[in-house]
Amino acid sequence: MCTPMEYEPDRVAVIRGKAPSFPNTANGQSVLTKTRLRYWSLCQNRLQIPYAVSSCAADFQTSRSKDGRDTYVVSTSRDRPHNATTANGITWIDWGPTNVQSVLFLRNMLPAQNLTNAVQDVKKGD
């Protein structure tokens, strides 16, 4: 799932949500662990072929608040808010080059059968 992003100085994008569970293999959890997704990530890419990745946060790299919610801030390093840190429960994603349009991708892989709001289930135009 994706959305185009256009850079404007002094502006940041904030994305909030609650992502499904995943096997945290970075912490030694088995891929066979029963979770809602096998993998997910939020990535900022250039909106030009070949859609090069500017910055990305995989599931295990995402900071979670105590209530299990995720908050991302997408900005240039110059526009990064001082409190956009993992210590504050915020995952910062670098905007990347500002001279080209960007696209923000939410990717997920291998959803559990009972996960009804996986990216694969979103209808075109929703």
N, C-alpha and C. Protein backbone atom coordinates (compact mmCIF):
# COMPACT_ATOMS: atom_id res chain seq x y z
N MET A 1 0.86 -1.14 0.00
CA MET A 1 0.00 0.00 0.00
C MET A 1 0.92 1.22 0.00
N CYS A 2 0.53 2.26 -0.73
CA CYS A 2 1.44 3.40 -0.82
C CYS A 2 0.67 4.71 -0.96
N THR A 3 1.37 5.78 -0.72
CA THR A 3 0.84 7.12 -0.94
C THR A 3 1.98 8.01 -1.40
N PRO A 4 1.72 8.87 -2.41
CA PRO A 4 2.77 9.80 -2.84
C PRO A 4 3.01 10.85 -1.76
N MET A 5 4.23 11.35 -1.71
CA MET A 5 4.61 12.36 -0.74
C MET A 5 5.38 13.45 -1.49
N GLU A 6 5.06 14.69 -1.20
CA GLU A 6 5.77 15.80 -1.83
C GLU A 6 6.42 16.65 -0.75
N TYR A 7 7.69 16.89 -0.90
CA TYR A 7 8.46 17.62 0.11
C TYR A 7 8.07 19.09 0.16
N GLU A 8 7.95 19.60 1.37
CA GLU A 8 7.82 21.03 1.63
C GLU A 8 8.71 21.34 2.84
N PRO A 9 9.54 22.38 2.74
CA PRO A 9 10.41 22.71 3.87
C PRO A 9 9.59 22.95 5.15
N ASP A 10 10.16 22.59 6.27
CA ASP A 10 9.57 22.78 7.60
C ASP A 10 8.30 21.96 7.83
N ARG A 11 8.09 20.92 7.04
CA ARG A 11 6.91 20.07 7.21
C ARG A 11 7.36 18.64 7.45
N VAL A 12 6.64 17.94 8.32
CA VAL A 12 6.91 16.53 8.59
C VAL A 12 5.63 15.75 8.36
N ALA A 13 5.77 14.48 8.06
CA ALA A 13 4.63 13.57 7.97
C ALA A 13 4.63 12.71 9.22
N VAL A 14 3.47 12.55 9.84
CA VAL A 14 3.33 11.71 11.02
C VAL A 14 2.34 10.61 10.69
N ILE A 15 2.75 9.38 10.91
CA ILE A 15 1.91 8.21 10.65
C ILE A 15 1.76 7.47 11.97
N ARG A 16 0.51 7.20 12.34
CA ARG A 16 0.25 6.47 13.59
C ARG A 16 -0.61 5.26 13.30
N GLY A 17 -0.39 4.22 14.05
CA GLY A 17 -1.20 3.03 13.88
C GLY A 17 -0.82 1.96 14.88
N LYS A 18 -1.43 0.82 14.69
CA LYS A 18 -1.12 -0.33 15.53
C LYS A 18 -0.91 -1.51 14.58
N ALA A 19 0.33 -1.89 14.42
CA ALA A 19 0.68 -2.94 13.48
C ALA A 19 0.44 -4.32 14.08
N PRO A 20 0.17 -5.30 13.23
CA PRO A 20 -0.01 -6.68 13.71
C PRO A 20 1.28 -7.27 14.28
N SER A 21 1.13 -8.33 15.03
CA SER A 21 2.29 -9.03 15.59
C SER A 21 3.09 -9.70 14.48
N PHE A 22 4.36 -9.95 14.76
CA PHE A 22 5.29 -10.57 13.81
C PHE A 22 6.33 -11.35 14.59
N PRO A 23 6.95 -12.36 13.98
CA PRO A 23 8.01 -13.08 14.69
C PRO A 23 9.28 -12.23 14.70
N ASN A 24 9.69 -11.80 15.86
CA ASN A 24 10.86 -10.94 15.97
C ASN A 24 12.13 -11.80 15.94
N THR A 25 12.53 -12.15 14.74
CA THR A 25 13.70 -13.01 14.55
C THR A 25 14.99 -12.30 14.98
N ALA A 26 14.99 -10.96 14.99
CA ALA A 26 16.17 -10.22 15.45
C ALA A 26 16.43 -10.49 16.92
N ASN A 27 15.38 -10.84 17.66
CA ASN A 27 15.52 -11.18 19.08
C ASN A 27 15.47 -12.68 19.31
N GLY A 28 15.66 -13.47 18.23
CA GLY A 28 15.74 -14.91 18.37
C GLY A 28 14.42 -15.66 18.29
N GLN A 29 13.33 -14.97 18.03
CA GLN A 29 12.03 -15.65 17.93
C GLN A 29 11.97 -16.44 16.63
N SER A 30 11.38 -17.61 16.66
CA SER A 30 11.28 -18.47 15.49
C SER A 30 10.27 -17.92 14.49
N VAL A 31 10.53 -18.13 13.21
CA VAL A 31 9.58 -17.74 12.18
C VAL A 31 8.31 -18.59 12.26
N LEU A 32 8.35 -19.67 12.99
CA LEU A 32 7.19 -20.54 13.15
C LEU A 32 6.25 -20.07 14.27
N THR A 33 6.65 -19.02 14.99
CA THR A 33 5.80 -18.46 16.04
C THR A 33 4.49 -17.98 15.43
N LYS A 34 3.37 -18.28 16.08
CA LYS A 34 2.06 -17.84 15.59
C LYS A 34 1.94 -16.33 15.77
N THR A 35 1.91 -15.62 14.64
CA THR A 35 1.76 -14.17 14.65
C THR A 35 0.78 -13.78 13.54
N ARG A 36 0.43 -12.51 13.47
CA ARG A 36 -0.53 -12.03 12.47
C ARG A 36 0.13 -11.83 11.10
N LEU A 37 1.42 -11.45 11.08
CA LEU A 37 2.17 -11.27 9.84
C LEU A 37 3.54 -11.90 9.98
N ARG A 38 4.12 -12.25 8.87
CA ARG A 38 5.50 -12.74 8.89
C ARG A 38 6.48 -11.56 8.92
N TYR A 39 6.09 -10.46 8.25
CA TYR A 39 6.99 -9.31 8.13
C TYR A 39 6.19 -8.10 7.69
N TRP A 40 6.58 -6.92 8.16
CA TRP A 40 6.04 -5.67 7.63
C TRP A 40 7.09 -4.58 7.76
N SER A 41 6.93 -3.53 6.96
CA SER A 41 7.85 -2.39 7.02
C SER A 41 7.17 -1.15 6.46
N LEU A 42 7.71 0.00 6.84
CA LEU A 42 7.29 1.28 6.30
C LEU A 42 8.52 1.90 5.67
N CYS A 43 8.43 2.24 4.38
CA CYS A 43 9.60 2.71 3.64
C CYS A 43 9.29 3.96 2.83
N GLN A 44 10.24 4.85 2.80
CA GLN A 44 10.17 6.05 1.97
C GLN A 44 11.03 5.79 0.73
N ASN A 45 10.41 5.88 -0.44
CA ASN A 45 11.10 5.61 -1.71
C ASN A 45 10.99 6.81 -2.62
N ARG A 46 11.89 6.88 -3.58
CA ARG A 46 11.80 7.90 -4.63
C ARG A 46 10.68 7.50 -5.58
N LEU A 47 9.90 8.48 -6.02
CA LEU A 47 8.80 8.20 -6.93
C LEU A 47 9.28 8.37 -8.37
N GLN A 48 10.29 7.58 -8.69
CA GLN A 48 10.81 7.51 -10.06
C GLN A 48 11.48 6.16 -10.22
N ILE A 49 11.35 5.61 -11.39
CA ILE A 49 11.91 4.28 -11.65
C ILE A 49 13.40 4.31 -11.41
N PRO A 50 13.98 3.40 -10.66
CA PRO A 50 13.47 2.13 -10.16
C PRO A 50 12.91 2.19 -8.73
N TYR A 51 12.41 3.35 -8.28
CA TYR A 51 11.81 3.52 -6.96
C TYR A 51 12.79 3.17 -5.83
N ALA A 52 13.95 3.77 -5.91
CA ALA A 52 15.00 3.49 -4.92
C ALA A 52 14.54 3.85 -3.50
N VAL A 53 14.94 3.02 -2.55
CA VAL A 53 14.60 3.25 -1.14
C VAL A 53 15.47 4.37 -0.59
N SER A 54 14.83 5.32 0.06
CA SER A 54 15.57 6.39 0.74
C SER A 54 15.82 6.02 2.19
N SER A 55 14.80 5.48 2.85
CA SER A 55 14.92 5.09 4.25
C SER A 55 13.78 4.13 4.58
N CYS A 56 14.02 3.27 5.54
CA CYS A 56 13.05 2.22 5.82
C CYS A 56 13.13 1.83 7.29
N ALA A 57 12.01 1.39 7.83
CA ALA A 57 11.98 0.81 9.17
C ALA A 57 11.22 -0.51 9.08
N ALA A 58 11.92 -1.59 9.33
CA ALA A 58 11.28 -2.90 9.35
C ALA A 58 10.54 -3.07 10.67
N ASP A 59 9.72 -4.10 10.73
CA ASP A 59 8.91 -4.36 11.93
C ASP A 59 9.74 -4.31 13.21
N PHE A 60 10.86 -5.00 13.24
CA PHE A 60 11.66 -5.08 14.48
C PHE A 60 12.40 -3.78 14.79
N GLN A 61 12.48 -2.86 13.81
CA GLN A 61 13.15 -1.58 14.01
C GLN A 61 12.18 -0.48 14.44
N THR A 62 10.92 -0.81 14.53
CA THR A 62 9.89 0.17 14.85
C THR A 62 9.71 0.28 16.36
N SER A 63 9.75 1.50 16.84
CA SER A 63 9.55 1.77 18.26
C SER A 63 8.06 1.71 18.56
N ARG A 64 7.72 1.04 19.64
CA ARG A 64 6.31 0.90 20.05
C ARG A 64 6.08 1.60 21.38
N SER A 65 4.92 2.24 21.48
CA SER A 65 4.55 2.84 22.76
C SER A 65 4.10 1.73 23.71
N LYS A 66 3.87 2.09 24.95
CA LYS A 66 3.47 1.09 25.96
C LYS A 66 2.14 0.44 25.61
N ASP A 67 1.26 1.16 24.89
CA ASP A 67 -0.03 0.58 24.51
C ASP A 67 0.03 -0.16 23.17
N GLY A 68 1.25 -0.36 22.64
CA GLY A 68 1.43 -1.15 21.42
C GLY A 68 1.22 -0.39 20.13
N ARG A 69 1.17 0.92 20.20
CA ARG A 69 0.96 1.73 19.00
C ARG A 69 2.31 2.17 18.42
N ASP A 70 2.29 2.41 17.11
CA ASP A 70 3.48 2.84 16.38
C ASP A 70 3.29 4.28 15.93
N THR A 71 4.34 5.09 16.04
CA THR A 71 4.33 6.45 15.51
C THR A 71 5.60 6.64 14.70
N TYR A 72 5.41 7.07 13.47
CA TYR A 72 6.53 7.36 12.57
C TYR A 72 6.53 8.85 12.26
N VAL A 73 7.72 9.41 12.14
CA VAL A 73 7.89 10.76 11.63
C VAL A 73 8.79 10.65 10.41
N VAL A 74 8.31 11.18 9.29
CA VAL A 74 9.09 11.20 8.05
C VAL A 74 9.46 12.66 7.79
N SER A 75 10.76 12.93 7.73
CA SER A 75 11.23 14.30 7.50
C SER A 75 12.68 14.27 7.06
N THR A 76 13.16 15.44 6.66
CA THR A 76 14.59 15.58 6.43
C THR A 76 15.26 15.66 7.80
N SER A 77 16.55 15.45 7.84
CA SER A 77 17.25 15.56 9.13
C SER A 77 17.15 16.99 9.67
N ARG A 78 17.12 17.98 8.79
CA ARG A 78 17.00 19.38 9.21
C ARG A 78 15.65 19.64 9.88
N ASP A 79 14.59 18.99 9.38
CA ASP A 79 13.24 19.20 9.90
C ASP A 79 12.84 18.20 10.98
N ARG A 80 13.74 17.31 11.33
CA ARG A 80 13.41 16.29 12.33
C ARG A 80 13.11 16.94 13.69
N PRO A 81 11.93 16.68 14.25
CA PRO A 81 11.64 17.22 15.58
C PRO A 81 12.61 16.65 16.61
N HIS A 82 12.99 17.45 17.58
CA HIS A 82 13.97 17.00 18.59
C HIS A 82 13.46 15.80 19.39
N ASN A 83 12.14 15.64 19.49
CA ASN A 83 11.60 14.53 20.27
C ASN A 83 11.28 13.29 19.43
N ALA A 84 11.61 13.31 18.15
CA ALA A 84 11.37 12.14 17.27
C ALA A 84 12.48 11.12 17.48
N THR A 85 12.41 10.42 18.61
CA THR A 85 13.44 9.45 18.98
C THR A 85 12.77 8.16 19.48
N THR A 86 13.52 7.09 19.43
CA THR A 86 12.99 5.82 19.95
C THR A 86 12.71 5.91 21.45
N ALA A 87 13.48 6.71 22.16
CA ALA A 87 13.24 6.89 23.60
C ALA A 87 11.85 7.47 23.86
N ASN A 88 11.33 8.21 22.89
CA ASN A 88 9.99 8.79 23.00
C ASN A 88 8.94 7.96 22.27
N GLY A 89 9.31 6.75 21.85
CA GLY A 89 8.36 5.88 21.18
C GLY A 89 8.08 6.26 19.74
N ILE A 90 9.01 6.96 19.11
CA ILE A 90 8.82 7.44 17.73
C ILE A 90 9.92 6.87 16.85
N THR A 91 9.52 6.37 15.69
CA THR A 91 10.48 5.88 14.70
C THR A 91 10.63 6.96 13.64
N TRP A 92 11.85 7.43 13.45
CA TRP A 92 12.11 8.48 12.46
C TRP A 92 12.56 7.84 11.16
N ILE A 93 11.99 8.32 10.05
CA ILE A 93 12.38 7.87 8.72
C ILE A 93 12.86 9.09 7.93
N ASP A 94 14.07 8.99 7.42
CA ASP A 94 14.66 10.09 6.64
C ASP A 94 13.89 10.27 5.33
N TRP A 95 13.57 11.51 5.02
CA TRP A 95 12.83 11.83 3.79
C TRP A 95 13.59 11.39 2.55
N GLY A 96 14.89 11.55 2.58
CA GLY A 96 15.69 11.27 1.38
C GLY A 96 15.81 12.51 0.53
N PRO A 97 16.13 12.33 -0.76
CA PRO A 97 16.30 13.50 -1.64
C PRO A 97 15.02 14.33 -1.72
N THR A 98 15.19 15.64 -1.67
CA THR A 98 14.02 16.53 -1.72
C THR A 98 13.74 17.07 -3.12
N ASN A 99 14.60 16.73 -4.06
CA ASN A 99 14.43 17.24 -5.43
C ASN A 99 13.60 16.32 -6.31
N VAL A 100 13.10 15.23 -5.75
CA VAL A 100 12.20 14.31 -6.47
C VAL A 100 11.03 13.98 -5.56
N GLN A 101 9.89 13.66 -6.16
CA GLN A 101 8.75 13.23 -5.35
C GLN A 101 9.06 11.88 -4.72
N SER A 102 8.38 11.62 -3.63
CA SER A 102 8.59 10.37 -2.90
C SER A 102 7.28 9.61 -2.79
N VAL A 103 7.42 8.36 -2.41
CA VAL A 103 6.24 7.52 -2.16
C VAL A 103 6.52 6.72 -0.89
N LEU A 104 5.54 6.69 0.00
CA LEU A 104 5.65 5.97 1.25
C LEU A 104 4.94 4.63 1.08
N PHE A 105 5.67 3.54 1.32
CA PHE A 105 5.14 2.19 1.15
C PHE A 105 4.96 1.50 2.49
N LEU A 106 3.79 0.92 2.70
CA LEU A 106 3.58 -0.01 3.81
C LEU A 106 3.53 -1.39 3.19
N ARG A 107 4.48 -2.23 3.58
CA ARG A 107 4.55 -3.58 3.01
C ARG A 107 4.29 -4.59 4.11
N ASN A 108 3.67 -5.68 3.74
CA ASN A 108 3.56 -6.81 4.66
C ASN A 108 3.60 -8.12 3.88
N MET A 109 4.03 -9.16 4.59
CA MET A 109 4.18 -10.47 3.95
C MET A 109 3.53 -11.55 4.80
N LEU A 110 2.94 -12.50 4.11
CA LEU A 110 2.37 -13.71 4.70
C LEU A 110 1.45 -13.43 5.88
N PRO A 111 0.30 -12.80 5.62
CA PRO A 111 -0.64 -12.57 6.71
C PRO A 111 -1.31 -13.87 7.15
N ALA A 112 -1.65 -13.93 8.43
CA ALA A 112 -2.41 -15.08 8.94
C ALA A 112 -3.81 -15.05 8.30
N GLN A 113 -4.43 -16.20 8.20
CA GLN A 113 -5.75 -16.28 7.56
C GLN A 113 -6.79 -15.43 8.27
N ASN A 114 -6.64 -15.24 9.56
CA ASN A 114 -7.63 -14.46 10.31
C ASN A 114 -7.31 -12.96 10.35
N LEU A 115 -6.29 -12.52 9.65
CA LEU A 115 -5.97 -11.09 9.58
C LEU A 115 -6.73 -10.50 8.40
N THR A 116 -7.81 -9.80 8.70
CA THR A 116 -8.70 -9.32 7.64
C THR A 116 -8.33 -7.94 7.10
N ASN A 117 -7.36 -7.27 7.69
CA ASN A 117 -6.98 -5.96 7.19
C ASN A 117 -5.53 -5.90 6.72
N ALA A 118 -5.08 -6.99 6.15
CA ALA A 118 -3.74 -7.01 5.56
C ALA A 118 -3.73 -6.16 4.29
N VAL A 119 -2.57 -5.70 3.89
CA VAL A 119 -2.44 -4.91 2.66
C VAL A 119 -3.07 -5.63 1.48
N GLN A 120 -2.93 -6.94 1.42
CA GLN A 120 -3.46 -7.72 0.30
C GLN A 120 -4.99 -7.64 0.23
N ASP A 121 -5.66 -7.30 1.31
CA ASP A 121 -7.12 -7.26 1.35
C ASP A 121 -7.71 -5.87 1.08
N VAL A 122 -6.86 -4.86 0.93
CA VAL A 122 -7.36 -3.52 0.67
C VAL A 122 -7.84 -3.44 -0.78
N LYS A 123 -9.06 -2.95 -0.96
CA LYS A 123 -9.63 -2.81 -2.29
C LYS A 123 -9.03 -1.60 -3.00
N LYS A 124 -8.89 -1.69 -4.30
CA LYS A 124 -8.35 -0.59 -5.09
C LYS A 124 -9.16 0.68 -4.82
N GLY A 125 -8.47 1.76 -4.55
CA GLY A 125 -9.13 3.03 -4.28
C GLY A 125 -9.43 3.30 -2.82
N ASP A 126 -9.31 2.28 -1.95
CA ASP A 126 -9.56 2.48 -0.52
C ASP A 126 -8.35 3.04 0.16
